[in-house]
């Protein structure tokens, strides 16, 4: 499943469903797809997401690097980087006081 985030203040963002639900929960939302938040809720959701990403970043730094050697050539994209497009979308929506919606694609 893919999830598309939409707002009138930014281009649409498409994410894998499992990542999108995880980010929605980090924002303080239930993770329900489809759903939406009104413009007044966006700044608080953005703050919660930024905080959760920073806490996750600190956890990544504290993990030992031995796991990277065991993984071999496999590389994964951290949740911090996956959250960046959604943070940009929410920031634009907060600046322009726009609602944010998301739905299955």
C-alpha atoms as a PDB file:
ATOM      1  CA  UNK A   1       0.000   0.000   0.000  1.00  0.00           C
ATOM      2  CA  UNK A   2       1.099   3.545  -0.729  1.00  0.00           C
ATOM      3  CA  UNK A   3      -0.149   6.648   1.092  1.00  0.00           C
ATOM      4  CA  UNK A   4      -0.404  10.086  -0.511  1.00  0.00           C
ATOM      5  CA  UNK A   5      -0.225  13.196   1.686  1.00  0.00           C
ATOM      6  CA  UNK A   6      -1.887  16.299   0.233  1.00  0.00           C
ATOM      7  CA  UNK A   7      -2.138  19.969   1.110  1.00  0.00           C
ATOM      8  CA  UNK A   8      -2.766  23.069  -0.968  1.00  0.00           C
ATOM      9  CA  UNK A   9       0.534  24.541   0.266  1.00  0.00           C
ATOM     10  CA  UNK A  10       2.888  21.850  -1.110  1.00  0.00           C
ATOM     11  CA  UNK A  11       3.255  19.169  -3.768  1.00  0.00           C
ATOM     12  CA  UNK A  12       1.825  15.747  -2.889  1.00  0.00           C
ATOM     13  CA  UNK A  13       4.071  13.270  -1.042  1.00  0.00           C
ATOM     14  CA  UNK A  14       3.787   9.513  -1.618  1.00  0.00           C
ATOM     15  CA  UNK A  15       5.147   7.045   0.968  1.00  0.00           C
ATOM     16  CA  UNK A  16       5.028   3.345   1.658  1.00  0.00           C
ATOM     17  CA  UNK A  17       2.072   2.587   3.931  1.00  0.00           C
ATOM     18  CA  UNK A  18       4.007   1.129   6.854  1.00  0.00           C
ATOM     19  CA  UNK A  19       6.342   4.141   7.021  1.00  0.00           C
ATOM     20  CA  UNK A  20       3.439   6.581   6.613  1.00  0.00           C
ATOM     21  CA  UNK A  21       1.512   4.972   9.482  1.00  0.00           C
ATOM     22  CA  UNK A  22       4.587   5.039  11.695  1.00  0.00           C
ATOM     23  CA  UNK A  23       5.121   8.748  10.988  1.00  0.00           C
ATOM     24  CA  UNK A  24       1.433   9.489  11.578  1.00  0.00           C
ATOM     25  CA  UNK A  25       1.659   7.851  15.000  1.00  0.00           C
ATOM     26  CA  UNK A  26       4.789   9.878  15.753  1.00  0.00           C
ATOM     27  CA  UNK A  27       2.699  12.979  14.963  1.00  0.00           C
ATOM     28  CA  UNK A  28       0.163  11.928  17.582  1.00  0.00           C
ATOM     29  CA  UNK A  29      -2.399  10.625  15.097  1.00  0.00           C
ATOM     30  CA  UNK A  30      -4.017   7.193  15.216  1.00  0.00           C
ATOM     31  CA  UNK A  31      -2.421   6.118  11.940  1.00  0.00           C
ATOM     32  CA  UNK A  32      -5.774   5.731  10.215  1.00  0.00           C
ATOM     33  CA  UNK A  33      -5.698   5.939   6.415  1.00  0.00           C
ATOM     34  CA  UNK A  34      -7.538   7.836   4.948  1.00  0.00           C
ATOM     35  CA  UNK A  35      -7.801  10.774   7.301  1.00  0.00           C
ATOM     36  CA  UNK A  36      -6.926  14.451   7.664  1.00  0.00           C
ATOM     37  CA  UNK A  37      -6.033  17.200  10.072  1.00  0.00           C
ATOM     38  CA  UNK A  38      -7.289  20.744  10.055  1.00  0.00           C
ATOM     39  CA  UNK A  39      -4.857  23.624   9.720  1.00  0.00           C
ATOM     40  CA  UNK A  40      -4.972  24.429  13.445  1.00  0.00           C
ATOM     41  CA  UNK A  41      -3.646  20.920  14.292  1.00  0.00           C
ATOM     42  CA  UNK A  42      -0.702  20.996  11.861  1.00  0.00           C
ATOM     43  CA  UNK A  43       1.867  22.978  13.935  1.00  0.00           C
ATOM     44  CA  UNK A  44       1.519  20.686  16.955  1.00  0.00           C
ATOM     45  CA  UNK A  45       1.734  17.566  14.777  1.00  0.00           C
ATOM     46  CA  UNK A  46       4.838  18.984  13.100  1.00  0.00           C
ATOM     47  CA  UNK A  47       6.466  19.661  16.475  1.00  0.00           C
ATOM     48  CA  UNK A  48       5.707  16.122  17.687  1.00  0.00           C
ATOM     49  CA  UNK A  49       7.138  14.608  14.504  1.00  0.00           C
ATOM     50  CA  UNK A  50      10.303  16.718  14.669  1.00  0.00           C
ATOM     51  CA  UNK A  51      10.796  15.784  18.324  1.00  0.00           C
ATOM     52  CA  UNK A  52      10.274  12.066  17.661  1.00  0.00           C
ATOM     53  CA  UNK A  53      12.735  12.170  14.756  1.00  0.00           C
ATOM     54  CA  UNK A  54      15.351  13.898  16.924  1.00  0.00           C
ATOM     55  CA  UNK A  55      14.895  11.336  19.701  1.00  0.00           C
ATOM     56  CA  UNK A  56      15.282   8.576  17.105  1.00  0.00           C
ATOM     57  CA  UNK A  57      18.391  10.269  15.751  1.00  0.00           C
ATOM     58  CA  UNK A  58      19.976  10.261  19.197  1.00  0.00           C
ATOM     59  CA  UNK A  59      19.200   6.542  19.510  1.00  0.00           C
ATOM     60  CA  UNK A  60      20.861   5.855  16.132  1.00  0.00           C
ATOM     61  CA  UNK A  61      24.045   7.642  17.210  1.00  0.00           C
ATOM     62  CA  UNK A  62      24.259   5.591  20.410  1.00  0.00           C
ATOM     63  CA  UNK A  63      23.946   2.203  18.631  1.00  0.00           C
ATOM     64  CA  UNK A  64      27.219   0.356  18.106  1.00  0.00           C
ATOM     65  CA  UNK A  65      28.531   0.226  14.544  1.00  0.00           C
ATOM     66  CA  UNK A  66      29.073  -3.566  14.711  1.00  0.00           C
ATOM     67  CA  UNK A  67      25.630  -4.045  13.177  1.00  0.00           C
ATOM     68  CA  UNK A  68      26.804  -2.262  10.028  1.00  0.00           C
ATOM     69  CA  UNK A  69      29.593  -4.788   9.583  1.00  0.00           C
ATOM     70  CA  UNK A  70      27.185  -7.698  10.063  1.00  0.00           C
ATOM     71  CA  UNK A  71      24.769  -6.272   7.507  1.00  0.00           C
ATOM     72  CA  UNK A  72      27.410  -6.370   4.801  1.00  0.00           C
ATOM     73  CA  UNK A  73      26.511  -4.283   1.781  1.00  0.00           C
ATOM     74  CA  UNK A  74      22.869  -3.834   2.746  1.00  0.00           C
ATOM     75  CA  UNK A  75      21.975  -0.242   3.409  1.00  0.00           C
ATOM     76  CA  UNK A  76      18.738   1.035   4.807  1.00  0.00           C
ATOM     77  CA  UNK A  77      17.208   4.479   4.833  1.00  0.00           C
ATOM     78  CA  UNK A  78      16.713   5.760   8.354  1.00  0.00           C
ATOM     79  CA  UNK A  79      13.313   6.942   9.496  1.00  0.00           C
ATOM     80  CA  UNK A  80      14.831  10.391   9.972  1.00  0.00           C
ATOM     81  CA  UNK A  81      15.460  10.686   6.223  1.00  0.00           C
ATOM     82  CA  UNK A  82      12.125   9.136   5.316  1.00  0.00           C
ATOM     83  CA  UNK A  83      10.383  11.775   7.449  1.00  0.00           C
ATOM     84  CA  UNK A  84      12.002  14.768   5.707  1.00  0.00           C
ATOM     85  CA  UNK A  85       9.482  15.113   2.837  1.00  0.00           C
ATOM     86  CA  UNK A  86       6.574  14.931   5.275  1.00  0.00           C
ATOM     87  CA  UNK A  87       8.240  17.485   7.562  1.00  0.00           C
ATOM     88  CA  UNK A  88       8.596  19.812   4.571  1.00  0.00           C
ATOM     89  CA  UNK A  89       4.942  19.310   3.620  1.00  0.00           C
ATOM     90  CA  UNK A  90       3.761  19.967   7.181  1.00  0.00           C
ATOM     91  CA  UNK A  91       6.002  23.036   7.457  1.00  0.00           C
ATOM     92  CA  UNK A  92       4.516  24.484   4.267  1.00  0.00           C
ATOM     93  CA  UNK A  93       0.990  23.697   5.476  1.00  0.00           C
ATOM     94  CA  UNK A  94       1.684  25.374   8.831  1.00  0.00           C
ATOM     95  CA  UNK A  95       3.094  28.504   7.148  1.00  0.00           C
ATOM     96  CA  UNK A  96       0.054  28.846   4.867  1.00  0.00           C
ATOM     97  CA  UNK A  97      -2.464  27.608   7.468  1.00  0.00           C
ATOM     98  CA  UNK A  98      -3.619  24.742   5.212  1.00  0.00           C
ATOM     99  CA  UNK A  99      -5.335  21.453   6.010  1.00  0.00           C
ATOM    100  CA  UNK A 100      -3.455  18.172   5.397  1.00  0.00           C
ATOM    101  CA  UNK A 101      -5.123  15.032   4.057  1.00  0.00           C
ATOM    102  CA  UNK A 102      -3.839  11.526   3.330  1.00  0.00           C
ATOM    103  CA  UNK A 103      -5.302   8.566   1.504  1.00  0.00           C
ATOM    104  CA  UNK A 104      -4.344   5.206   0.006  1.00  0.00           C
ATOM    105  CA  UNK A 105      -2.912   5.391  -3.482  1.00  0.00           C
END
